[in-house]
Amino acid sequence: MTRGEKLFRDRVSHILNKTPSPDSLQLYTEALQVLMVVLWKNPELRIADTLFLDVIIGHAVRLAWEQQHPNQASAYDRYRAEAWKDFYLSPPSVVANHVMTALAYLLNSDMREAP
């Protein structure tokens, strides 16, 4: 491991150790694993902006809710707590799929907004 990789690992560990909720820590860990796989399998992928796990996970929760409840998608804000609860209870593979969907959604929406 290079010095930069060790510093990165230590920084990520420090941030994750400050996470108050074990459920949140689990989601962050799963989201980071997805990001690692995506970036490892797509070495040409360049993201010119900062990735915020909270934003990616938040979109993953919303997109999962909309997929599972298409008739209530427009009322997501009313069901936000229930959506998060359901997401926390989802198996890691389901979380991973929704995190990948959220990342793709965010990257594609960013591409549409670029001049």
PDB file of N, CA and C in Angstrom:
ATOM      1  N   MET A   1       0.845  -1.168   0.000  1.00  0.00           N
ATOM      2  CA  MET A   1       0.000   0.000   0.000  1.00  0.00           C
ATOM      3  C   MET A   1       0.898   1.240   0.000  1.00  0.00           C
ATOM      4  N   THR A   2       0.545   2.196  -0.834  1.00  0.00           N
ATOM      5  CA  THR A   2       1.320   3.424  -0.884  1.00  0.00           C
ATOM      6  C   THR A   2       0.983   4.311   0.316  1.00  0.00           C
ATOM      7  N   ARG A   3       1.797   5.331   0.536  1.00  0.00           N
ATOM      8  CA  ARG A   3       1.540   6.262   1.632  1.00  0.00           C
ATOM      9  C   ARG A   3       0.186   6.944   1.449  1.00  0.00           C
ATOM     10  N   GLY A   4      -0.137   7.336   0.201  1.00  0.00           N
ATOM     11  CA  GLY A   4      -1.412   7.978  -0.081  1.00  0.00           C
ATOM     12  C   GLY A   4      -2.592   7.067   0.199  1.00  0.00           C
ATOM     13  N   GLU A   5      -2.448   5.793  -0.135  1.00  0.00           N
ATOM     14  CA  GLU A   5      -3.517   4.830   0.135  1.00  0.00           C
ATOM     15  C   GLU A   5      -3.718   4.649   1.639  1.00  0.00           C
ATOM     16  N   LYS A   6      -2.616   4.608   2.385  1.00  0.00           N
ATOM     17  CA  LYS A   6      -2.724   4.475   3.843  1.00  0.00           C
ATOM     18  C   LYS A   6      -3.386   5.699   4.458  1.00  0.00           C
ATOM     19  N   LEU A   7      -3.004   6.883   3.981  1.00  0.00           N
ATOM     20  CA  LEU A   7      -3.620   8.111   4.483  1.00  0.00           C
ATOM     21  C   LEU A   7      -5.108   8.129   4.167  1.00  0.00           C
ATOM     22  N   PHE A   8      -5.465   7.701   2.958  1.00  0.00           N
ATOM     23  CA  PHE A   8      -6.873   7.642   2.576  1.00  0.00           C
ATOM     24  C   PHE A   8      -7.619   6.657   3.470  1.00  0.00           C
ATOM     25  N   ARG A   9      -7.065   5.463   3.666  1.00  0.00           N
ATOM     26  CA  ARG A   9      -7.697   4.451   4.519  1.00  0.00           C
ATOM     27  C   ARG A   9      -7.890   4.987   5.931  1.00  0.00           C
ATOM     28  N   ASP A  10      -6.861   5.639   6.464  1.00  0.00           N
ATOM     29  CA  ASP A  10      -6.958   6.181   7.819  1.00  0.00           C
ATOM     30  C   ASP A  10      -8.010   7.288   7.907  1.00  0.00           C
ATOM     31  N   ARG A  11      -8.099   8.109   6.880  1.00  0.00           N
ATOM     32  CA  ARG A  11      -9.087   9.200   6.864  1.00  0.00           C
ATOM     33  C   ARG A  11     -10.499   8.633   6.819  1.00  0.00           C
ATOM     34  N   VAL A  12     -10.712   7.636   5.960  1.00  0.00           N
ATOM     35  CA  VAL A  12     -12.029   7.009   5.858  1.00  0.00           C
ATOM     36  C   VAL A  12     -12.383   6.337   7.178  1.00  0.00           C
ATOM     37  N   SER A  13     -11.430   5.625   7.775  1.00  0.00           N
ATOM     38  CA  SER A  13     -11.676   4.966   9.067  1.00  0.00           C
ATOM     39  C   SER A  13     -12.039   5.989  10.134  1.00  0.00           C
ATOM     40  N   HIS A  14     -11.342   7.105  10.150  1.00  0.00           N
ATOM     41  CA  HIS A  14     -11.615   8.159  11.129  1.00  0.00           C
ATOM     42  C   HIS A  14     -13.043   8.691  10.969  1.00  0.00           C
ATOM     43  N   ILE A  15     -13.427   8.959   9.730  1.00  0.00           N
ATOM     44  CA  ILE A  15     -14.774   9.486   9.478  1.00  0.00           C
ATOM     45  C   ILE A  15     -15.834   8.461   9.866  1.00  0.00           C
ATOM     46  N   LEU A  16     -15.628   7.205   9.471  1.00  0.00           N
ATOM     47  CA  LEU A  16     -16.607   6.168   9.787  1.00  0.00           C
ATOM     48  C   LEU A  16     -16.714   5.931  11.287  1.00  0.00           C
ATOM     49  N   ASN A  17     -15.619   6.048  12.000  1.00  0.00           N
ATOM     50  CA  ASN A  17     -15.654   5.845  13.452  1.00  0.00           C
ATOM     51  C   ASN A  17     -16.425   6.946  14.181  1.00  0.00           C
ATOM     52  N   LYS A  18     -16.629   8.080  13.526  1.00  0.00           N
ATOM     53  CA  LYS A  18     -17.399   9.173  14.119  1.00  0.00           C
ATOM     54  C   LYS A  18     -18.896   9.020  13.873  1.00  0.00           C
ATOM     55  N   THR A  19     -19.282   8.022  13.075  1.00  0.00           N
ATOM     56  CA  THR A  19     -20.684   7.797  12.751  1.00  0.00           C
ATOM     57  C   THR A  19     -21.413   7.294  13.992  1.00  0.00           C
ATOM     58  N   PRO A  20     -22.468   7.999  14.427  1.00  0.00           N
ATOM     59  CA  PRO A  20     -23.113   7.649  15.689  1.00  0.00           C
ATOM     60  C   PRO A  20     -23.957   6.378  15.647  1.00  0.00           C
ATOM     61  N   SER A  21     -24.551   6.080  14.525  1.00  0.00           N
ATOM     62  CA  SER A  21     -25.500   4.975  14.441  1.00  0.00           C
ATOM     63  C   SER A  21     -24.881   3.763  13.756  1.00  0.00           C
ATOM     64  N   PRO A  22     -24.992   2.582  14.374  1.00  0.00           N
ATOM     65  CA  PRO A  22     -24.481   1.375  13.713  1.00  0.00           C
ATOM     66  C   PRO A  22     -25.173   1.114  12.370  1.00  0.00           C
ATOM     67  N   ASP A  23     -26.464   1.454  12.272  1.00  0.00           N
ATOM     68  CA  ASP A  23     -27.179   1.276  11.005  1.00  0.00           C
ATOM     69  C   ASP A  23     -26.586   2.169   9.914  1.00  0.00           C
ATOM     70  N   SER A  24     -26.306   3.408  10.268  1.00  0.00           N
ATOM     71  CA  SER A  24     -25.709   4.329   9.304  1.00  0.00           C
ATOM     72  C   SER A  24     -24.319   3.861   8.906  1.00  0.00           C
ATOM     73  N   LEU A  25     -23.551   3.408   9.861  1.00  0.00           N
ATOM     74  CA  LEU A  25     -22.211   2.900   9.576  1.00  0.00           C
ATOM     75  C   LEU A  25     -22.287   1.744   8.585  1.00  0.00           C
ATOM     76  N   GLN A  26     -23.255   0.866   8.769  1.00  0.00           N
ATOM     77  CA  GLN A  26     -23.417  -0.266   7.849  1.00  0.00           C
ATOM     78  C   GLN A  26     -23.753   0.219   6.442  1.00  0.00           C
ATOM     79  N   LEU A  27     -24.645   1.206   6.329  1.00  0.00           N
ATOM     80  CA  LEU A  27     -24.984   1.745   5.007  1.00  0.00           C
ATOM     81  C   LEU A  27     -23.788   2.425   4.360  1.00  0.00           C
ATOM     82  N   TYR A  28     -23.026   3.193   5.143  1.00  0.00           N
ATOM     83  CA  TYR A  28     -21.835   3.847   4.609  1.00  0.00           C
ATOM     84  C   TYR A  28     -20.841   2.813   4.101  1.00  0.00           C
ATOM     85  N   THR A  29     -20.651   1.759   4.872  1.00  0.00           N
ATOM     86  CA  THR A  29     -19.707   0.712   4.497  1.00  0.00           C
ATOM     87  C   THR A  29     -20.149   0.038   3.198  1.00  0.00           C
ATOM     88  N   GLU A  30     -21.430  -0.284   3.120  1.00  0.00           N
ATOM     89  CA  GLU A  30     -21.949  -0.926   1.910  1.00  0.00           C
ATOM     90  C   GLU A  30     -21.843   0.012   0.708  1.00  0.00           C
ATOM     91  N   ALA A  31     -22.125   1.293   0.902  1.00  0.00           N
ATOM     92  CA  ALA A  31     -22.025   2.262  -0.192  1.00  0.00           C
ATOM     93  C   ALA A  31     -20.575   2.410  -0.648  1.00  0.00           C
ATOM     94  N   LEU A  32     -19.646   2.441   0.289  1.00  0.00           N
ATOM     95  CA  LEU A  32     -18.223   2.533  -0.083  1.00  0.00           C
ATOM     96  C   LEU A  32     -17.775   1.304  -0.857  1.00  0.00           C
ATOM     97  N   GLN A  33     -18.257   0.139  -0.474  1.00  0.00           N
ATOM     98  CA  GLN A  33     -17.908  -1.082  -1.195  1.00  0.00           C
ATOM     99  C   GLN A  33     -18.419  -1.024  -2.628  1.00  0.00           C
ATOM    100  N   VAL A  34     -19.625  -0.523  -2.811  1.00  0.00           N
ATOM    101  CA  VAL A  34     -20.175  -0.379  -4.161  1.00  0.00           C
ATOM    102  C   VAL A  34     -19.320   0.586  -4.970  1.00  0.00           C
ATOM    103  N   LEU A  35     -18.984   1.720  -4.379  1.00  0.00           N
ATOM    104  CA  LEU A  35     -18.167   2.706  -5.086  1.00  0.00           C
ATOM    105  C   LEU A  35     -16.812   2.131  -5.468  1.00  0.00           C
ATOM    106  N   MET A  36     -16.222   1.352  -4.567  1.00  0.00           N
ATOM    107  CA  MET A  36     -14.929   0.731  -4.875  1.00  0.00           C
ATOM    108  C   MET A  36     -15.046  -0.208  -6.070  1.00  0.00           C
ATOM    109  N   VAL A  37     -16.086  -1.019  -6.100  1.00  0.00           N
ATOM    110  CA  VAL A  37     -16.273  -1.961  -7.205  1.00  0.00           C
ATOM    111  C   VAL A  37     -16.516  -1.202  -8.509  1.00  0.00           C
ATOM    112  N   VAL A  38     -17.379  -0.192  -8.473  1.00  0.00           N
ATOM    113  CA  VAL A  38     -17.679   0.583  -9.674  1.00  0.00           C
ATOM    114  C   VAL A  38     -16.411   1.221 -10.226  1.00  0.00           C
ATOM    115  N   LEU A  39     -15.626   1.838  -9.356  1.00  0.00           N
ATOM    116  CA  LEU A  39     -14.409   2.510  -9.815  1.00  0.00           C
ATOM    117  C   LEU A  39     -13.339   1.514 -10.251  1.00  0.00           C
ATOM    118  N   TRP A  40     -13.272   0.378  -9.598  1.00  0.00           N
ATOM    119  CA  TRP A  40     -12.297  -0.651  -9.967  1.00  0.00           C
ATOM    120  C   TRP A  40     -12.636  -1.236 -11.338  1.00  0.00           C
ATOM    121  N   LYS A  41     -13.922  -1.459 -11.592  1.00  0.00           N
ATOM    122  CA  LYS A  41     -14.341  -2.050 -12.866  1.00  0.00           C
ATOM    123  C   LYS A  41     -14.416  -1.024 -13.992  1.00  0.00           C
ATOM    124  N   ASN A  42     -14.360   0.247 -13.653  1.00  0.00           N
ATOM    125  CA  ASN A  42     -14.439   1.319 -14.655  1.00  0.00           C
ATOM    126  C   ASN A  42     -13.299   2.307 -14.447  1.00  0.00           C
ATOM    127  N   PRO A  43     -12.067   1.887 -14.699  1.00  0.00           N
ATOM    128  CA  PRO A  43     -10.920   2.768 -14.414  1.00  0.00           C
ATOM    129  C   PRO A  43     -10.925   4.058 -15.227  1.00  0.00           C
ATOM    130  N   GLU A  44     -11.675   4.082 -16.332  1.00  0.00           N
ATOM    131  CA  GLU A  44     -11.752   5.297 -17.153  1.00  0.00           C
ATOM    132  C   GLU A  44     -12.740   6.316 -16.598  1.00  0.00           C
ATOM    133  N   LEU A  45     -13.551   5.896 -15.640  1.00  0.00           N
ATOM    134  CA  LEU A  45     -14.557   6.789 -15.062  1.00  0.00           C
ATOM    135  C   LEU A  45     -13.874   7.895 -14.262  1.00  0.00           C
ATOM    136  N   ARG A  46     -14.214   9.119 -14.594  1.00  0.00           N
ATOM    137  CA  ARG A  46     -13.681  10.273 -13.880  1.00  0.00           C
ATOM    138  C   ARG A  46     -14.850  11.082 -13.353  1.00  0.00           C
ATOM    139  N   ILE A  47     -14.800  11.405 -12.078  1.00  0.00           N
ATOM    140  CA  ILE A  47     -15.837  12.219 -11.447  1.00  0.00           C
ATOM    141  C   ILE A  47     -15.156  13.484 -10.971  1.00  0.00           C
ATOM    142  N   ALA A  48     -15.532  14.585 -11.568  1.00  0.00           N
ATOM    143  CA  ALA A  48     -14.838  15.845 -11.317  1.00  0.00           C
ATOM    144  C   ALA A  48     -15.333  16.578 -10.079  1.00  0.00           C
ATOM    145  N   ASP A  49     -16.298  16.014  -9.391  1.00  0.00           N
ATOM    146  CA  ASP A  49     -16.873  16.691  -8.241  1.00  0.00           C
ATOM    147  C   ASP A  49     -16.752  15.787  -7.018  1.00  0.00           C
ATOM    148  N   THR A  50     -17.110  16.314  -5.880  1.00  0.00           N
ATOM    149  CA  THR A  50     -17.060  15.554  -4.635  1.00  0.00           C
ATOM    150  C   THR A  50     -18.260  14.622  -4.546  1.00  0.00           C
ATOM    151  N   LEU A  51     -17.997  13.395  -4.126  1.00  0.00           N
ATOM    152  CA  LEU A  51     -19.078  12.445  -3.870  1.00  0.00           C
ATOM    153  C   LEU A  51     -19.404  12.492  -2.386  1.00  0.00           C
ATOM    154  N   PHE A  52     -20.668  12.684  -2.069  1.00  0.00           N
ATOM    155  CA  PHE A  52     -21.114  12.675  -0.681  1.00  0.00           C
ATOM    156  C   PHE A  52     -21.943  11.418  -0.459  1.00  0.00           C
ATOM    157  N   LEU A  53     -21.473  10.567   0.444  1.00  0.00           N
ATOM    158  CA  LEU A  53     -22.184   9.320   0.708  1.00  0.00           C
ATOM    159  C   LEU A  53     -23.614   9.571   1.150  1.00  0.00           C
ATOM    160  N   ASP A  54     -23.820  10.591   1.966  1.00  0.00           N
ATOM    161  CA  ASP A  54     -25.169  10.901   2.436  1.00  0.00           C
ATOM    162  C   ASP A  54     -26.114  11.181   1.262  1.00  0.00           C
ATOM    163  N   VAL A  55     -25.615  11.895   0.266  1.00  0.00           N
ATOM    164  CA  VAL A  55     -26.435  12.228  -0.896  1.00  0.00           C
ATOM    165  C   VAL A  55     -26.721  10.973  -1.716  1.00  0.00           C
ATOM    166  N   ILE A  56     -25.698  10.171  -1.951  1.00  0.00           N
ATOM    167  CA  ILE A  56     -25.876   8.934  -2.728  1.00  0.00           C
ATOM    168  C   ILE A  56     -26.864   8.014  -2.020  1.00  0.00           C
ATOM    169  N   ILE A  57     -26.680   7.830  -0.725  1.00  0.00           N
ATOM    170  CA  ILE A  57     -27.565   6.942   0.037  1.00  0.00           C
ATOM    171  C   ILE A  57     -28.980   7.511   0.079  1.00  0.00           C
ATOM    172  N   GLY A  58     -29.101   8.810   0.267  1.00  0.00           N
ATOM    173  CA  GLY A  58     -30.426   9.436   0.273  1.00  0.00           C
ATOM    174  C   GLY A  58     -31.172   9.198  -1.035  1.00  0.00           C
ATOM    175  N   HIS A  59     -30.460   9.333  -2.150  1.00  0.00           N
ATOM    176  CA  HIS A  59     -31.086   9.059  -3.445  1.00  0.00           C
ATOM    177  C   HIS A  59     -31.406   7.575  -3.585  1.00  0.00           C
ATOM    178  N   ALA A  60     -30.539   6.728  -3.072  1.00  0.00           N
ATOM    179  CA  ALA A  60     -30.789   5.276  -3.129  1.00  0.00           C
ATOM    180  C   ALA A  60     -32.078   4.935  -2.380  1.00  0.00           C
ATOM    181  N   VAL A  61     -32.262   5.531  -1.227  1.00  0.00           N
ATOM    182  CA  VAL A  61     -33.475   5.284  -0.439  1.00  0.00           C
ATOM    183  C   VAL A  61     -34.711   5.751  -1.206  1.00  0.00           C
ATOM    184  N   ARG A  62     -34.635   6.952  -1.749  1.00  0.00           N
ATOM    185  CA  ARG A  62     -35.789   7.492  -2.491  1.00  0.00           C
ATOM    186  C   ARG A  62     -36.090   6.653  -3.722  1.00  0.00           C
ATOM    187  N   LEU A  63     -35.057   6.301  -4.484  1.00  0.00           N
ATOM    188  CA  LEU A  63     -35.276   5.502  -5.690  1.00  0.00           C
ATOM    189  C   LEU A  63     -35.807   4.111  -5.354  1.00  0.00           C
ATOM    190  N   ALA A  64     -35.334   3.534  -4.254  1.00  0.00           N
ATOM    191  CA  ALA A  64     -35.852   2.224  -3.814  1.00  0.00           C
ATOM    192  C   ALA A  64     -37.322   2.344  -3.457  1.00  0.00           C
ATOM    193  N   TRP A  65     -37.672   3.397  -2.730  1.00  0.00           N
ATOM    194  CA  TRP A  65     -39.070   3.603  -2.335  1.00  0.00           C
ATOM    195  C   TRP A  65     -39.949   3.778  -3.582  1.00  0.00           C
ATOM    196  N   GLU A  66     -39.492   4.592  -4.516  1.00  0.00           N
ATOM    197  CA  GLU A  66     -40.276   4.827  -5.722  1.00  0.00           C
ATOM    198  C   GLU A  66     -40.452   3.547  -6.537  1.00  0.00           C
ATOM    199  N   GLN A  67     -39.429   2.710  -6.552  1.00  0.00           N
ATOM    200  CA  GLN A  67     -39.528   1.448  -7.285  1.00  0.00           C
ATOM    201  C   GLN A  67     -40.517   0.500  -6.605  1.00  0.00           C
ATOM    202  N   GLN A  68     -40.483   0.458  -5.287  1.00  0.00           N
ATOM    203  CA  GLN A  68     -41.355  -0.450  -4.546  1.00  0.00           C
ATOM    204  C   GLN A  68     -42.781   0.075  -4.407  1.00  0.00           C
ATOM    205  N   HIS A  69     -42.945   1.383  -4.488  1.00  0.00           N
ATOM    206  CA  HIS A  69     -44.269   2.008  -4.305  1.00  0.00           C
ATOM    207  C   HIS A  69     -44.515   3.031  -5.408  1.00  0.00           C
ATOM    208  N   PRO A  70     -44.638   2.590  -6.643  1.00  0.00           N
ATOM    209  CA  PRO A  70     -44.786   3.557  -7.740  1.00  0.00           C
ATOM    210  C   PRO A  70     -46.016   4.456  -7.619  1.00  0.00           C
ATOM    211  N   ASN A  71     -47.044   3.977  -6.971  1.00  0.00           N
ATOM    212  CA  ASN A  71     -48.248   4.796  -6.815  1.00  0.00           C
ATOM    213  C   ASN A  71     -48.097   5.872  -5.747  1.00  0.00           C
ATOM    214  N   GLN A  72     -47.083   5.744  -4.893  1.00  0.00           N
ATOM    215  CA  GLN A  72     -46.854   6.714  -3.822  1.00  0.00           C
ATOM    216  C   GLN A  72     -45.571   7.515  -4.042  1.00  0.00           C
ATOM    217  N   ALA A  73     -44.966   7.375  -5.210  1.00  0.00           N
ATOM    218  CA  ALA A  73     -43.685   8.027  -5.479  1.00  0.00           C
ATOM    219  C   ALA A  73     -43.748   9.542  -5.275  1.00  0.00           C
ATOM    220  N   SER A  74     -44.832  10.150  -5.682  1.00  0.00           N
ATOM    221  CA  SER A  74     -44.938  11.603  -5.544  1.00  0.00           C
ATOM    222  C   SER A  74     -45.116  12.038  -4.087  1.00  0.00           C
ATOM    223  N   ALA A  75     -45.463  11.099  -3.216  1.00  0.00           N
ATOM    224  CA  ALA A  75     -45.662  11.409  -1.794  1.00  0.00           C
ATOM    225  C   ALA A  75     -44.502  10.898  -0.950  1.00  0.00           C
ATOM    226  N   TYR A  76     -43.325  10.770  -1.561  1.00  0.00           N
ATOM    227  CA  TYR A  76     -42.173  10.220  -0.845  1.00  0.00           C
ATOM    228  C   TYR A  76     -41.899  10.942   0.473  1.00  0.00           C
ATOM    229  N   ASP A  77     -41.985  12.250   0.481  1.00  0.00           N
ATOM    230  CA  ASP A  77     -41.670  13.015   1.700  1.00  0.00           C
ATOM    231  C   ASP A  77     -42.543  12.587   2.884  1.00  0.00           C
ATOM    232  N   ARG A  78     -43.778  12.226   2.612  1.00  0.00           N
ATOM    233  CA  ARG A  78     -44.667  11.760   3.681  1.00  0.00           C
ATOM    234  C   ARG A  78     -44.229  10.414   4.238  1.00  0.00           C
ATOM    235  N   TYR A  79     -43.583   9.610   3.404  1.00  0.00           N
ATOM    236  CA  TYR A  79     -43.195   8.252   3.788  1.00  0.00           C
ATOM    237  C   TYR A  79     -41.685   8.104   4.003  1.00  0.00           C
ATOM    238  N   ARG A  80     -40.985   9.211   4.098  1.00  0.00           N
ATOM    239  CA  ARG A  80     -39.530   9.177   4.186  1.00  0.00           C
ATOM    240  C   ARG A  80     -39.028   8.301   5.338  1.00  0.00           C
ATOM    241  N   ALA A  81     -39.585   8.441   6.522  1.00  0.00           N
ATOM    242  CA  ALA A  81     -39.133   7.641   7.669  1.00  0.00           C
ATOM    243  C   ALA A  81     -39.334   6.145   7.409  1.00  0.00           C
ATOM    244  N   GLU A  82     -40.478   5.816   6.846  1.00  0.00           N
ATOM    245  CA  GLU A  82     -40.759   4.409   6.519  1.00  0.00           C
ATOM    246  C   GLU A  82     -39.801   3.903   5.441  1.00  0.00           C
ATOM    247  N   ALA A  83     -39.499   4.763   4.468  1.00  0.00           N
ATOM    248  CA  ALA A  83     -38.577   4.384   3.393  1.00  0.00           C
ATOM    249  C   ALA A  83     -37.192   4.089   3.945  1.00  0.00           C
ATOM    250  N   TRP A  84     -36.720   4.928   4.867  1.00  0.00           N
ATOM    251  CA  TRP A  84     -35.409   4.705   5.478  1.00  0.00           C
ATOM    252  C   TRP A  84     -35.416   3.428   6.315  1.00  0.00           C
ATOM    253  N   LYS A  85     -36.476   3.213   7.055  1.00  0.00           N
ATOM    254  CA  LYS A  85     -36.571   1.994   7.868  1.00  0.00           C
ATOM    255  C   LYS A  85     -36.507   0.752   6.978  1.00  0.00           C
ATOM    256  N   ASP A  86     -37.270   0.771   5.899  1.00  0.00           N
ATOM    257  CA  ASP A  86     -37.254  -0.355   4.958  1.00  0.00           C
ATOM    258  C   ASP A  86     -35.863  -0.549   4.360  1.00  0.00           C
ATOM    259  N   PHE A  87     -35.210   0.560   4.036  1.00  0.00           N
ATOM    260  CA  PHE A  87     -33.881   0.474   3.421  1.00  0.00           C
ATOM    261  C   PHE A  87     -32.872  -0.129   4.393  1.00  0.00           C
ATOM    262  N   TYR A  88     -32.923   0.302   5.656  1.00  0.00           N
ATOM    263  CA  TYR A  88     -32.023  -0.257   6.673  1.00  0.00           C
ATOM    264  C   TYR A  88     -32.206  -1.765   6.816  1.00  0.00           C
ATOM    265  N   LEU A  89     -33.424  -2.240   6.599  1.00  0.00           N
ATOM    266  CA  LEU A  89     -33.723  -3.666   6.754  1.00  0.00           C
ATOM    267  C   LEU A  89     -33.442  -4.481   5.492  1.00  0.00           C
ATOM    268  N   SER A  90     -33.082  -3.817   4.418  1.00  0.00           N
ATOM    269  CA  SER A  90     -32.836  -4.505   3.149  1.00  0.00           C
ATOM    270  C   SER A  90     -31.535  -5.307   3.214  1.00  0.00           C
ATOM    271  N   PRO A  91     -31.489  -6.419   2.493  1.00  0.00           N
ATOM    272  CA  PRO A  91     -30.243  -7.192   2.414  1.00  0.00           C
ATOM    273  C   PRO A  91     -29.153  -6.376   1.714  1.00  0.00           C
ATOM    274  N   PRO A  92     -27.892  -6.644   2.031  1.00  0.00           N
ATOM    275  CA  PRO A  92     -26.787  -5.888   1.415  1.00  0.00           C
ATOM    276  C   PRO A  92     -26.823  -5.876  -0.111  1.00  0.00           C
ATOM    277  N   SER A  93     -27.233  -6.958  -0.741  1.00  0.00           N
ATOM    278  CA  SER A  93     -27.266  -6.982  -2.207  1.00  0.00           C
ATOM    279  C   SER A  93     -28.303  -5.993  -2.751  1.00  0.00           C
ATOM    280  N   VAL A  94     -29.418  -5.855  -2.066  1.00  0.00           N
ATOM    281  CA  VAL A  94     -30.454  -4.905  -2.477  1.00  0.00           C
ATOM    282  C   VAL A  94     -29.945  -3.479  -2.277  1.00  0.00           C
ATOM    283  N   VAL A  95     -29.321  -3.228  -1.144  1.00  0.00           N
ATOM    284  CA  VAL A  95     -28.735  -1.902  -0.877  1.00  0.00           C
ATOM    285  C   VAL A  95     -27.710  -1.574  -1.956  1.00  0.00           C
ATOM    286  N   ALA A  96     -26.845  -2.536  -2.272  1.00  0.00           N
ATOM    287  CA  ALA A  96     -25.810  -2.314  -3.284  1.00  0.00           C
ATOM    288  C   ALA A  96     -26.421  -1.950  -4.633  1.00  0.00           C
ATOM    289  N   ASN A  97     -27.465  -2.656  -5.031  1.00  0.00           N
ATOM    290  CA  ASN A  97     -28.112  -2.359  -6.311  1.00  0.00           C
ATOM    291  C   ASN A  97     -28.702  -0.957  -6.324  1.00  0.00           C
ATOM    292  N   HIS A  98     -29.309  -0.553  -5.219  1.00  0.00           N
ATOM    293  CA  HIS A  98     -29.909   0.782  -5.171  1.00  0.00           C
ATOM    294  C   HIS A  98     -28.838   1.868  -5.086  1.00  0.00           C
ATOM    295  N   VAL A  99     -27.734   1.589  -4.435  1.00  0.00           N
ATOM    296  CA  VAL A  99     -26.628   2.564  -4.398  1.00  0.00           C
ATOM    297  C   VAL A  99     -26.068   2.749  -5.807  1.00  0.00           C
ATOM    298  N   MET A 100     -25.915   1.644  -6.541  1.00  0.00           N
ATOM    299  CA  MET A 100     -25.431   1.751  -7.929  1.00  0.00           C
ATOM    300  C   MET A 100     -26.419   2.538  -8.785  1.00  0.00           C
ATOM    301  N   THR A 101     -27.696   2.293  -8.590  1.00  0.00           N
ATOM    302  CA  THR A 101     -28.724   3.021  -9.333  1.00  0.00           C
ATOM    303  C   THR A 101     -28.666   4.513  -8.997  1.00  0.00           C
ATOM    304  N   ALA A 102     -28.491   4.815  -7.721  1.00  0.00           N
ATOM    305  CA  ALA A 102     -28.414   6.221  -7.296  1.00  0.00           C
ATOM    306  C   ALA A 102     -27.181   6.902  -7.874  1.00  0.00           C
ATOM    307  N   LEU A 103     -26.047   6.202  -7.864  1.00  0.00           N
ATOM    308  CA  LEU A 103     -24.829   6.777  -8.433  1.00  0.00           C
ATOM    309  C   LEU A 103     -25.028   7.055  -9.919  1.00  0.00           C
ATOM    310  N   ALA A 104     -25.583   6.095 -10.647  1.00  0.00           N
ATOM    311  CA  ALA A 104     -25.847   6.296 -12.074  1.00  0.00           C
ATOM    312  C   ALA A 104     -26.813   7.459 -12.292  1.00  0.00           C
ATOM    313  N   TYR A 105     -27.844   7.523 -11.471  1.00  0.00           N
ATOM    314  CA  TYR A 105     -28.823   8.611 -11.562  1.00  0.00           C
ATOM    315  C   TYR A 105     -28.131   9.968 -11.374  1.00  0.00           C
ATOM    316  N   LEU A 106     -27.304  10.059 -10.345  1.00  0.00           N
ATOM    317  CA  LEU A 106     -26.628  11.335 -10.052  1.00  0.00           C
ATOM    318  C   LEU A 106     -25.628  11.699 -11.149  1.00  0.00           C
ATOM    319  N   LEU A 107     -24.880  10.715 -11.624  1.00  0.00           N
ATOM    320  CA  LEU A 107     -23.918  10.991 -12.684  1.00  0.00           C
ATOM    321  C   LEU A 107     -24.633  11.389 -13.972  1.00  0.00           C
ATOM    322  N   ASN A 108     -25.741  10.732 -14.296  1.00  0.00           N
ATOM    323  CA  ASN A 108     -26.480  11.076 -15.503  1.00  0.00           C
ATOM    324  C   ASN A 108     -27.165  12.431 -15.384  1.00  0.00           C
ATOM    325  N   SER A 109     -27.684  12.749 -14.202  1.00  0.00           N
ATOM    326  CA  SER A 109     -28.330  14.067 -14.041  1.00  0.00           C
ATOM    327  C   SER A 109     -27.291  15.158 -14.105  1.00  0.00           C
ATOM    328  N   ASP A 110     -26.080  14.885 -13.625  1.00  0.00           N
ATOM    329  CA  ASP A 110     -24.992  15.854 -13.698  1.00  0.00           C
ATOM    330  C   ASP A 110     -24.601  16.083 -15.160  1.00  0.00           C
ATOM    331  N   MET A 111     -24.601  15.011 -15.949  1.00  0.00           N
ATOM    332  CA  MET A 111     -24.246  15.117 -17.364  1.00  0.00           C
ATOM    333  C   MET A 111     -25.297  15.939 -18.111  1.00  0.00           C
ATOM    334  N   ARG A 112     -26.564  15.775 -17.740  1.00  0.00           N
ATOM    335  CA  ARG A 112     -27.636  16.525 -18.405  1.00  0.00           C
ATOM    336  C   ARG A 112     -27.557  18.006 -18.069  1.00  0.00           C
ATOM    337  N   GLU A 113     -27.046  18.326 -16.874  1.00  0.00           N
ATOM    338  CA  GLU A 113     -26.987  19.737 -16.443  1.00  0.00           C
ATOM    339  C   GLU A 113     -25.736  20.442 -16.957  1.00  0.00           C
ATOM    340  N   ALA A 114     -24.725  19.676 -17.388  1.00  0.00           N
ATOM    341  CA  ALA A 114     -23.483  20.291 -17.861  1.00  0.00           C
ATOM    342  C   ALA A 114     -23.747  21.054 -19.174  1.00  0.00           C
ATOM    343  N   PRO A 115     -23.016  22.151 -19.372  1.00  0.00           N
ATOM    344  CA  PRO A 115     -23.239  22.946 -20.600  1.00  0.00           C
ATOM    345  C   PRO A 115     -22.803  22.206 -21.835  1.00  0.00           C
TER     346      PRO A 115
END
